[in-house]
Amino acid sequence: MCMTRMSELPSEKPVTIEPIKAFPVIKDLVTNVSWNFQLKKKIKPFKPRPPDAPDGTWRMQQKDIDRVQEFRKCIECFLCQDVCHVLRDHQMHDKFIGPRFLIHVAALEMHPLDTEDRIEELRDAYGIGYCNITKCCTKVCPESIEITDNGIIPLKERVVDQYYDPLGWLWGRLKKKSEQRIENRKG
């Protein structure tokens, strides 16, 4: 199956239209994409930090805001989910959330106000390790979201830093011991 933008189709040749293959067909071109909506409900929602200004608002750098704005352009067409071979060819819906929801998690995780931690879920429940970065999802995105480079890769780096980086483990332990000493001095 190939996804093609209408602007790239030759007008003199016939066009074949098929239903999305990553999800069950209901009838003709209609597919059951309800799995996507149920999955979204399972992702930890946005949890803002307390306001840092006297007027009850937050202060943020523009570059931090710009980083997540790209992800909010998603129109949930699910084309990225359909071209993802993990979902389409291997039917691993029970182990992998797919590029659309990795971008949703990226929008939350990279938001300058969010305090929720979703790294463990990315590794385990969301199956980010199954993505092998073929960039198929980025190629079909009608909103030109750089799904792989700006969303999935930075999320993979966070998982690696937390779970697979020995220097990170060492730093985390040293930091924890330092925090414990400070708490002991206060108490």
Protein backbone atom coordinates (compact mmCIF):
# COMPACT_ATOMS: atom_id res chain seq x y z
CA MET A 1 0.00 0.00 0.00
CA CYS A 2 1.24 3.46 -0.80
CA MET A 3 0.08 6.78 0.60
CA THR A 4 0.17 9.60 -1.93
CA ARG A 5 -0.74 13.25 -1.70
CA MET A 6 -3.44 14.33 -4.14
CA SER A 7 -1.14 17.01 -5.55
CA GLU A 8 1.33 14.31 -6.60
CA LEU A 9 -1.16 12.09 -8.46
CA PRO A 10 -1.03 12.12 -12.24
CA SER A 11 -4.45 13.31 -13.42
CA GLU A 12 -4.41 11.14 -16.54
CA LYS A 13 -4.15 7.79 -14.66
CA PRO A 14 -6.76 5.90 -12.61
CA VAL A 15 -6.58 6.16 -8.83
CA THR A 16 -7.04 3.21 -6.49
CA ILE A 17 -8.59 4.00 -3.12
CA GLU A 18 -8.37 1.46 -0.28
CA PRO A 19 -9.43 1.49 3.36
CA ILE A 20 -6.87 1.99 6.12
CA LYS A 21 -5.20 -1.40 6.65
CA ALA A 22 -4.00 -1.02 10.23
CA PHE A 23 -7.58 -1.26 11.54
CA PRO A 24 -10.55 -3.56 10.91
CA VAL A 25 -12.76 -2.76 7.94
CA ILE A 26 -16.41 -2.14 8.84
CA LYS A 27 -17.73 -1.66 5.32
CA ASP A 28 -16.30 -0.50 2.00
CA LEU A 29 -13.78 2.24 2.90
CA VAL A 30 -14.90 2.61 6.52
CA THR A 31 -12.54 1.27 9.18
CA ASN A 32 -12.98 0.92 12.92
CA VAL A 33 -10.47 3.33 14.44
CA SER A 34 -12.04 3.28 17.93
CA TRP A 35 -8.87 1.64 19.30
CA ASN A 36 -7.16 5.00 18.84
CA PHE A 37 -9.71 6.86 20.94
CA GLN A 38 -9.66 4.25 23.71
CA LEU A 39 -5.86 4.37 23.75
CA LYS A 40 -5.76 8.15 24.09
CA LYS A 41 -7.84 7.91 27.29
CA LYS A 42 -5.11 5.73 28.88
CA ILE A 43 -2.33 8.30 28.45
CA LYS A 44 -1.63 10.34 31.57
CA PRO A 45 -3.13 13.81 31.06
CA PHE A 46 -1.40 17.17 31.27
CA LYS A 47 -0.46 18.08 34.84
CA PRO A 48 0.82 21.67 35.15
CA ARG A 49 3.34 22.85 37.70
CA PRO A 50 2.21 25.52 40.16
CA PRO A 51 2.18 29.09 38.79
CA ASP A 52 5.50 30.86 39.23
CA ALA A 53 4.37 34.46 38.96
CA PRO A 54 2.57 36.51 41.64
CA ASP A 55 -0.42 36.99 39.34
CA GLY A 56 -1.01 33.21 39.14
CA THR A 57 0.46 32.74 35.67
CA TRP A 58 3.53 30.96 34.35
CA ARG A 59 6.71 32.21 32.75
CA MET A 60 8.07 30.20 29.84
CA GLN A 61 10.68 30.60 27.16
CA GLN A 62 9.27 31.02 23.64
CA LYS A 63 11.56 28.28 22.30
CA ASP A 64 10.00 25.81 24.77
CA ILE A 65 6.51 26.73 23.61
CA ASP A 66 7.47 26.54 19.94
CA ARG A 67 8.81 23.02 20.40
CA VAL A 68 5.43 21.55 21.32
CA GLN A 69 3.29 23.68 18.99
CA GLU A 70 4.26 21.51 16.02
CA PHE A 71 2.69 18.45 17.66
CA ARG A 72 -0.61 20.24 18.20
CA LYS A 73 -1.11 20.51 14.43
CA CYS A 74 -2.14 16.84 14.29
CA ILE A 75 -5.59 16.39 12.73
CA GLU A 76 -5.86 12.73 13.81
CA CYS A 77 -6.25 11.41 10.29
CA PHE A 78 -4.38 8.28 11.46
CA LEU A 79 -2.36 8.02 8.24
CA CYS A 80 0.78 7.74 10.37
CA GLN A 81 -0.84 4.87 12.28
CA ASP A 82 -1.74 3.17 9.00
CA VAL A 83 1.73 3.28 7.44
CA CYS A 84 3.40 2.15 10.66
CA HIS A 85 4.50 -1.41 9.92
CA VAL A 86 4.34 -2.35 13.62
CA LEU A 87 0.59 -1.70 13.60
CA ARG A 88 -0.29 -2.45 9.98
CA ASP A 89 1.85 -5.48 9.19
CA HIS A 90 2.50 -6.97 12.63
CA GLN A 91 -0.81 -6.01 14.31
CA MET A 92 0.96 -5.18 17.61
CA HIS A 93 -1.84 -2.90 18.86
CA ASP A 94 -1.57 -4.49 22.32
CA LYS A 95 2.14 -3.56 22.67
CA PHE A 96 2.65 -0.37 20.67
CA ILE A 97 0.68 2.90 20.63
CA GLY A 98 1.94 4.06 17.24
CA PRO A 99 3.28 7.37 15.95
CA ARG A 100 0.10 9.42 16.47
CA PHE A 101 0.11 8.78 20.19
CA LEU A 102 3.86 8.99 20.57
CA ILE A 103 3.43 12.53 19.22
CA HIS A 104 0.64 13.12 21.72
CA VAL A 105 2.94 11.95 24.53
CA ALA A 106 5.75 14.13 23.13
CA ALA A 107 3.45 17.17 23.23
CA LEU A 108 2.82 16.46 26.92
CA GLU A 109 6.33 15.39 27.93
CA MET A 110 8.03 18.33 26.25
CA HIS A 111 5.55 20.95 27.43
CA PRO A 112 7.35 23.43 29.70
CA LEU A 113 4.57 23.33 32.33
CA ASP A 114 3.88 19.59 32.49
CA THR A 115 5.11 17.72 35.58
CA GLU A 116 3.76 14.22 34.84
CA ASP A 117 6.29 11.47 34.14
CA ARG A 118 5.40 9.10 31.30
CA ILE A 119 8.86 7.62 30.66
CA GLU A 120 8.13 4.23 32.25
CA GLU A 121 4.94 3.93 30.18
CA LEU A 122 6.85 4.85 27.02
CA ARG A 123 9.20 1.96 27.63
CA ASP A 124 6.65 -0.60 28.77
CA ALA A 125 2.97 0.02 28.00
CA TYR A 126 3.49 2.30 24.99
CA GLY A 127 6.22 0.16 23.41
CA ILE A 128 8.40 2.93 22.02
CA GLY A 129 11.20 0.38 21.49
CA TYR A 130 9.20 -1.19 18.66
CA CYS A 131 9.59 1.94 16.52
CA ASN A 132 12.60 1.44 14.25
CA ILE A 133 12.51 4.98 12.88
CA THR A 134 11.72 4.30 9.22
CA LYS A 135 10.12 7.78 8.99
CA CYS A 136 7.12 6.44 7.05
CA CYS A 137 4.87 8.31 9.47
CA THR A 138 6.62 11.61 8.83
CA LYS A 139 6.39 11.16 5.06
CA VAL A 140 2.60 10.76 5.05
CA CYS A 141 1.71 13.46 7.57
CA PRO A 142 -0.56 16.00 5.82
CA GLU A 143 0.43 18.62 8.42
CA SER A 144 4.18 18.05 7.79
CA ILE A 145 4.85 17.22 11.43
CA GLU A 146 8.38 15.89 11.87
CA ILE A 147 7.02 12.93 13.84
CA THR A 148 10.22 10.93 13.95
CA ASP A 149 12.93 13.55 14.35
CA ASN A 150 11.14 15.99 16.64
CA GLY A 151 8.93 13.62 18.62
CA ILE A 152 9.85 9.94 18.65
CA ILE A 153 13.65 10.23 18.73
CA PRO A 154 13.68 12.69 21.68
CA LEU A 155 11.28 10.38 23.54
CA LYS A 156 13.50 7.38 22.82
CA GLU A 157 16.46 9.38 24.15
CA ARG A 158 14.59 10.05 27.40
CA VAL A 159 13.85 6.35 27.84
CA VAL A 160 17.48 5.44 27.16
CA ASP A 161 18.75 8.11 29.55
CA GLN A 162 16.52 6.87 32.35
CA TYR A 163 16.75 3.10 31.87
CA TYR A 164 19.81 2.17 29.86
CA ASP A 165 22.51 4.77 30.50
CA PRO A 166 24.99 3.60 33.20
CA LEU A 167 26.27 7.15 33.71
CA GLY A 168 22.69 8.29 34.16
CA TRP A 169 22.13 5.62 36.81
CA LEU A 170 25.26 6.69 38.64
CA TRP A 171 24.27 10.37 38.47
CA GLY A 172 20.76 9.52 39.70
CA ARG A 173 22.11 7.60 42.70
CA LEU A 174 24.57 10.35 43.59
CA LYS A 175 21.82 12.95 43.29
CA LYS A 176 19.49 10.87 45.47
CA LYS A 177 22.15 10.43 48.18
CA SER A 178 22.86 14.16 48.12
CA GLU A 179 19.15 14.94 48.50
CA GLN A 180 18.91 12.47 51.40
CA ARG A 181 21.85 14.13 53.18
CA ILE A 182 20.21 17.54 52.79
CA GLU A 183 16.92 16.16 54.19
CA ASN A 184 18.78 14.54 57.14
CA ARG A 185 20.43 17.86 57.95
CA LYS A 186 17.05 19.65 57.93
CA GLY A 187 15.36 17.00 60.13
